Protein backbone atom coordinates (compact mmCIF):
# COMPACT_ATOMS: atom_id res chain seq x y z
CA MET A 1 21.85 6.54 -9.00
CA PRO A 2 20.58 9.77 -11.15
CA ILE A 3 19.35 12.52 -9.41
CA PRO A 4 16.83 14.84 -11.29
CA GLU A 5 17.99 18.32 -11.84
CA ASP A 6 15.18 19.75 -9.81
CA VAL A 7 16.39 18.13 -6.70
CA THR A 8 18.68 20.41 -4.72
CA GLY A 9 18.78 18.81 -1.31
CA GLU A 10 17.27 21.89 0.20
CA GLU A 11 13.86 20.12 0.29
CA ILE A 12 14.69 18.03 3.50
CA ASP A 13 13.47 18.70 6.86
CA LYS A 14 15.72 21.30 8.70
CA ASP A 15 16.34 19.03 11.60
CA VAL A 16 17.74 16.43 9.03
CA ARG A 17 19.65 19.23 7.44
CA GLN A 18 21.21 20.14 10.87
CA GLU A 19 22.29 16.45 11.21
CA LEU A 20 24.10 16.55 7.98
CA GLN A 21 25.95 19.51 8.90
CA SER A 22 28.51 17.18 10.65
CA LEU A 23 29.50 15.91 7.18
CA PRO A 24 31.78 18.02 4.57
CA LYS A 25 29.56 20.27 2.51
CA GLY A 26 29.71 18.35 -0.85
CA LEU A 27 29.04 15.15 0.94
CA ALA A 28 26.26 16.57 2.90
CA GLU A 29 24.56 17.79 -0.37
CA ASP A 30 24.93 14.39 -2.05
CA VAL A 31 23.30 12.64 0.98
CA ALA A 32 20.49 15.27 1.23
CA LYS A 33 19.65 14.71 -2.45
CA ASN A 34 19.34 10.96 -2.02
CA LEU A 35 17.01 11.44 1.05
CA VAL A 36 14.93 13.63 -0.90
CA MET A 37 14.53 10.95 -3.67
CA VAL A 38 13.81 8.48 -0.92
CA ALA A 39 10.94 10.56 0.31
CA ARG A 40 9.58 11.46 -3.14
CA LEU A 41 9.51 7.68 -4.31
CA ILE A 42 8.75 5.60 -1.16
CA ASP A 43 5.11 5.57 -1.84
CA GLU A 44 4.84 5.10 -5.58
CA ASP A 45 8.21 3.46 -6.27
CA PRO A 46 9.61 1.68 -3.01
CA GLU A 47 12.21 -0.17 -4.96
CA GLY A 48 13.57 3.12 -6.38
CA ALA A 49 13.47 4.66 -2.93
CA TYR A 50 15.34 1.74 -1.45
CA GLY A 51 17.88 2.04 -4.21
CA TYR A 52 18.51 5.96 -3.17
CA SER A 53 18.46 4.95 0.45
CA LYS A 54 21.34 2.42 -0.15
CA VAL A 55 23.28 5.18 -1.72
CA ALA A 56 22.88 7.52 1.18
CA LEU A 57 23.55 4.77 3.66
CA ARG A 58 26.85 4.09 1.77
CA LEU A 59 27.71 7.75 1.89
CA ALA A 60 26.78 8.53 5.56
CA SER A 61 25.90 5.43 7.65
CA ARG A 62 26.65 7.28 10.98
CA VAL A 63 23.78 9.81 10.45
CA ALA A 64 20.84 8.79 12.30
CA ALA A 65 18.35 10.27 9.74
CA VAL A 66 20.06 8.13 7.09
CA ARG A 67 19.49 5.16 9.14
CA GLU A 68 15.92 5.89 9.64
CA ALA A 69 15.38 6.66 6.06
CA ALA A 70 16.96 3.36 5.04
CA GLY A 71 14.75 1.63 7.63
CA PHE A 72 11.54 2.91 6.11
CA ALA A 73 12.58 2.17 2.58
CA ALA A 74 13.42 -1.35 3.55
CA TYR A 75 10.09 -1.46 5.35
CA ALA A 76 8.24 -0.32 2.30
CA ASN A 77 9.80 -3.12 0.40
CA GLN A 78 8.83 -5.66 3.24
CA LYS A 79 12.42 -6.29 4.15
CA TYR A 80 11.56 -6.31 7.80
CA SER A 81 14.72 -7.92 9.18
CA GLU A 82 16.73 -5.13 7.53
CA ALA A 83 14.37 -2.38 8.38
CA LEU A 84 14.36 -3.39 12.02
CA ALA A 85 18.26 -3.37 12.00
CA GLU A 86 18.25 0.24 10.71
CA PHE A 87 15.38 1.51 13.12
CA ARG A 88 17.49 -0.07 15.98
CA ALA A 89 20.54 1.63 14.81
CA ALA A 90 18.79 5.05 14.51
CA ARG A 91 17.32 4.73 17.96
CA ARG A 92 20.70 3.93 19.65
CA MET A 93 22.01 7.10 17.96
CA THR A 94 19.20 9.34 19.03
CA GLY A 95 17.83 7.60 22.10
CA HIS A 96 14.37 8.77 20.83
CA VAL A 97 11.24 6.35 21.02
CA GLU A 98 9.23 7.60 17.90
CA LEU A 99 10.30 4.42 15.98
CA TRP A 100 8.89 2.07 18.64
CA PRO A 101 5.59 1.27 16.78
CA VAL A 102 7.08 0.60 13.36
CA MET A 103 9.93 -1.64 15.09
CA ALA A 104 7.18 -3.63 16.69
CA ASP A 105 5.20 -3.80 13.15
CA CYS A 106 8.52 -5.21 11.81
CA GLU A 107 8.33 -7.80 14.53
CA ARG A 108 4.82 -8.74 12.99
CA GLY A 109 6.30 -8.97 9.50
CA LEU A 110 8.88 -11.44 10.71
CA GLY A 111 6.15 -13.53 12.13
CA ARG A 112 6.77 -12.75 15.75
CA PRO A 113 3.40 -11.17 16.88
CA GLU A 114 4.09 -12.09 20.40
CA LYS A 115 7.27 -10.01 20.46
CA ALA A 116 5.22 -7.06 18.99
CA LEU A 117 2.66 -7.48 21.97
CA ASP A 118 5.44 -7.31 24.50
CA MET A 119 6.78 -4.15 22.86
CA ALA A 120 3.07 -2.81 23.08
CA GLY A 121 3.32 -3.21 26.85
CA ALA A 122 6.96 -1.85 27.31
CA PRO A 123 7.54 1.55 29.22
CA GLU A 124 8.55 3.13 25.92
CA VAL A 125 5.02 3.40 24.88
CA HIS A 126 4.34 5.94 27.70
CA LYS A 127 7.08 8.09 26.09
CA LEU A 128 5.28 8.28 22.80
CA ASP A 129 3.05 11.26 21.73
CA LYS A 130 -0.56 10.72 21.15
CA ALA A 131 -0.10 9.79 17.42
CA GLY A 132 2.59 7.24 18.51
CA GLN A 133 0.41 5.66 21.08
CA VAL A 134 -2.44 5.22 18.54
CA GLU A 135 0.07 3.72 15.99
CA MET A 136 1.04 1.35 18.71
CA ARG A 137 -2.50 0.42 19.38
CA LEU A 138 -2.99 -0.36 15.67
CA VAL A 139 0.04 -2.55 15.65
CA ALA A 140 -0.97 -4.49 18.84
CA ALA A 141 -4.43 -5.07 17.32
CA GLY A 142 -2.93 -6.50 14.09
CA ALA A 143 -0.73 -8.64 16.27
CA ARG A 144 -3.75 -10.07 18.07
CA ARG A 145 -5.29 -10.78 14.55
CA ASP A 146 -2.11 -12.34 13.45
CA MET A 147 -2.61 -14.81 16.49
CA GLY A 148 -6.34 -15.36 15.69
CA GLN A 149 -7.52 -13.42 18.58
CA LEU A 150 -10.22 -11.28 16.74
CA ASP A 151 -12.12 -10.44 19.91
CA ALA A 152 -8.90 -9.22 21.75
CA ALA A 153 -8.06 -7.15 18.57
CA ILE A 154 -11.48 -5.36 18.58
CA VAL A 155 -11.00 -4.61 22.44
CA THR A 156 -7.46 -3.34 21.80
CA LEU A 157 -8.88 -0.87 19.31
CA GLN A 158 -11.58 0.58 21.66
CA SER A 159 -10.14 3.70 23.11
CA PRO A 160 -10.95 7.25 23.86
CA GLU A 161 -9.36 8.12 20.55
CA LEU A 162 -11.79 5.83 18.52
CA ALA A 163 -14.89 7.10 20.49
CA SER A 164 -13.87 10.87 20.03
CA ASN A 165 -15.84 12.85 17.33
CA SER A 166 -12.78 14.96 16.77
CA VAL A 167 -10.96 14.21 13.56
CA GLN A 168 -7.11 13.70 13.88
CA PRO A 169 -4.59 12.48 11.40
CA TRP A 170 -4.89 9.01 12.83
CA THR A 171 -8.79 8.86 13.01
CA ALA A 172 -9.51 7.36 9.72
CA ARG A 173 -6.94 4.59 10.02
CA LEU A 174 -8.20 3.65 13.54
CA ARG A 175 -11.81 3.72 12.50
CA TYR A 176 -10.99 1.57 9.42
CA ALA A 177 -8.94 -1.00 11.54
CA TYR A 178 -11.82 -1.22 13.87
CA ALA A 179 -14.39 -1.81 11.08
CA ASP A 180 -12.15 -4.31 9.53
CA ALA A 181 -11.86 -6.19 12.75
CA LEU A 182 -15.58 -6.27 13.30
CA LEU A 183 -16.04 -7.54 9.75
CA ALA A 184 -13.57 -10.25 10.19
CA ALA A 185 -15.51 -11.29 13.47
CA GLY A 186 -18.66 -11.40 11.57
CA ARG A 187 -20.29 -8.38 12.93
CA GLU A 188 -21.26 -6.90 9.55
CA SER A 189 -23.69 -4.15 10.68
CA GLU A 190 -21.33 -2.69 13.07
CA ALA A 191 -18.45 -2.87 10.62
CA ARG A 192 -20.68 -1.04 7.98
CA GLU A 193 -21.26 1.68 10.64
CA TRP A 194 -17.56 2.09 11.18
CA PHE A 195 -16.47 1.92 7.66
CA ALA A 196 -18.93 5.00 7.07
CA LYS A 197 -17.47 6.72 10.04
CA ALA A 198 -14.07 6.13 8.55
CA VAL A 199 -15.18 7.54 5.16
CA GLU A 200 -16.34 10.73 6.98
CA SER A 201 -13.01 11.28 8.41
CA ASP A 202 -10.67 10.12 5.54
CA LYS A 203 -10.46 13.42 3.80
CA ASP A 204 -7.18 12.54 1.85
CA GLY A 205 -8.21 8.91 0.84
CA SER A 206 -5.61 7.33 3.00
CA THR A 207 -7.82 4.23 3.17
CA ASP A 208 -10.17 2.34 0.81
CA ALA A 209 -13.11 2.69 3.24
CA SER A 210 -15.44 4.03 0.69
CA ASP A 211 -14.80 0.85 -1.54
CA ARG A 212 -15.32 -1.28 1.52
CA LEU A 213 -18.56 0.36 2.45
CA ALA A 214 -19.68 0.07 -1.15
CA GLU A 215 -19.12 -3.61 -1.08
CA LEU A 216 -21.04 -4.28 2.03
CA ASP A 217 -23.90 -2.22 0.41
CA GLY A 218 -23.72 -4.39 -2.60
CA VAL A 219 -22.61 -1.77 -5.00
CA GLU A 220 -20.62 -3.01 -8.01
CA PHE A 221 -18.05 -0.90 -9.66
CA VAL A 222 -17.57 -1.37 -13.52
CA ASP A 223 -14.17 -0.65 -14.96
CA ALA A 224 -14.42 1.95 -17.67
CA PHE A 225 -11.83 0.02 -19.68
CA ALA A 226 -13.85 -3.08 -19.15
CA GLU A 227 -16.83 -1.51 -20.65
CA ASP A 228 -14.90 -1.14 -23.85
CA GLU A 229 -14.10 -4.80 -24.02
CA PRO A 230 -17.74 -6.08 -24.94
CA GLU A 231 -17.75 -3.48 -27.82
CA ASP A 232 -14.33 -4.91 -29.13
CA GLU A 233 -15.72 -8.39 -28.75
CA LEU A 234 -18.93 -7.52 -30.58
CA GLU A 235 -16.73 -5.96 -33.34
CA ASP A 236 -14.73 -9.27 -33.55
CA GLU A 237 -17.99 -11.34 -33.67
CA ALA A 238 -19.46 -9.24 -36.30
CA GLU A 239 -16.25 -9.63 -38.47
CA ALA A 240 -16.17 -13.40 -37.74
CA ASP A 241 -19.98 -13.54 -38.71
CA ASP A 242 -19.35 -11.51 -41.87
CA ALA A 243 -16.39 -13.91 -42.76
CA GLY A 244 -18.62 -16.90 -42.05
CA VAL A 245 -21.34 -15.50 -44.34
CA THR A 246 -18.79 -14.93 -47.16
CA GLU A 247 -17.34 -18.29 -46.67
CA ALA A 248 -20.86 -19.87 -46.75
CA ALA A 249 -21.74 -17.95 -49.84
CA GLU A 250 -18.71 -18.96 -51.63
CA LYS A 251 -19.31 -22.48 -50.67
CA ALA A 252 -22.83 -22.40 -51.84
CA VAL A 253 -21.63 -20.89 -55.25
CA GLY A 254 -19.09 -23.70 -55.57
CA ASP A 255 -21.81 -26.31 -54.71
CA LYS A 256 -24.04 -24.86 -57.38
CA GLU A 257 -21.35 -24.82 -60.06
CA ALA A 258 -20.55 -28.44 -59.22
CA GLU A 259 -24.29 -29.34 -59.65
CA GLU A 260 -24.33 -27.74 -63.07
CA VAL A 261 -21.28 -29.54 -64.03
CA ASP A 262 -22.74 -32.97 -62.86
CA GLU A 263 -26.08 -32.12 -64.78
CA GLY A 264 -24.14 -31.50 -67.88
CA ASP A 265 -22.33 -34.73 -67.54
CA LEU A 266 -25.52 -36.66 -67.15
CA LYS A 267 -26.98 -34.99 -70.41
CA ASP A 268 -23.88 -36.17 -72.29
C-alpha cells in the first residue's frame, strides 16, 4: 500500500522504535511507516488502517508492537475474533496486562459477555493502572447490559472514580456510560444530571454527551443543509406552478379559437 511522502517512520513511539531495532534497518523503516499509517487512519478510516496493519504484520509478525497494532486495527473494524488473537499474541510476547480490558471487550463483541465478566474478576485486573481499571469497569458494565442486567451495570459503574470531582482522561467516558445506563433503566432525571457532568468533563468532544443532554431537554437540531431543501422545493413548486399557468393559458387560448371556429361554422 502507498505511503505518503511526509511519513518517515520516525513518528512512532520510542518504545516501538526500540522494538523494531531487532529488524534489519530497511525492514524496520518499512514496518515503522506502516505502523504510522495505522495510527493515522484508525479513527477516520478503519479499513485503511487495517490494510496497513496487514502489511506490517506480513513484514514483522514476531514484533509485539506489530501484533498489537494489528489487533487494534481489527478491533476498529469489528473483527473481534481476529483482534483477540492478535492481542493474545502480543500479550504472550510481552507478558504485560495492559490489553486485558480490550481483550475482554472482544469477548463481548463475540457475544460472550459472561467471559468478559470472568476476565473482570481475574487477578490480572489488579495489575492494571488506574486508567486500565476504569476501562475494565466500563467493559464489565457493558457486559452486564448485554445480559439485560441494567441495575447491576449501574452498580458496577458506581466507584470512587465516578464520584471524584477531579477530571481525568477517563472521566467523561465513565460519566457518560453511567448516564446512559441510568437512562436505559428509566431514571431520566438522574441521567440528565450525569450527562451534564459528562459534558463538563468532555473537553475534547470524545462523547456525544452534549447531544444526548439536548435531546433530554427537548432541543431539536436543524441541519443547515436541510434548511436549503425547502427553498429548493419552493423553487421547484414555483416552476411547476408557472408551467401549470402557462399550460392552462395555452389551453384557454386553444379553447377560445375552437369556439370561434365553431361559431363560424354555425353562421355558414
